[in-house]
């Protein structure tokens, strides 16, 4: 019975198939990296629509580069995607900061469409606060798992831990984040039931 292909073999196959124009391989790339890119974008921009746009921009750039054979080392595909995402996010943030400020909305317009945005912003702030309650290694484990897409064995070698310890701490840290956020949301005035629209 043949052993399952290693992660290195999977990446090499994926990169080669995309270089040859395999659209199914491009779909696999999209499935594998979309969530990670979205998380990176959302952490930086705090804007869901902007983050969705960034996912498309990054994937288009990565697939275009892979079609042209511009990635020499297939093993570095996750780092290549991460670097492309970081550059495009930085470019977007730089362009946004150079835009002239807009006139403020009227009070009626401002109140009518901001409830969901405020709630999303509050939740993100709570996640940031909760992350600060974790130890440095636990924060690194979550970042390398969710954003960089690294495997437990890879993270373990970087941090000098065993893969089992990395898995355990990842689960524990994720649960801790959820508990902290839910606890703070339950005490927040914004969590009071909203009045039903007439």
Foldseek 3Di string as FASTA:
>chain_A
DDDDDDPQVVLVVLLVCLLVPNVVSLVVVLVLCLQLLLVVLCLLPVDNVVSNVLSVVLSVVLSVCSNVVVDVRSSCSLVVSLVSSVVVSVVVVVVVVPDDDDDDDDPVVVVPPCLVSVVSVVLSVLLVVLLVVDDPLLNVLQCCCRNSVDQLPVSCVVVVHHSVVSVVSPVVSVVSSVVSSVVVLVVDPSNPDDDDDD
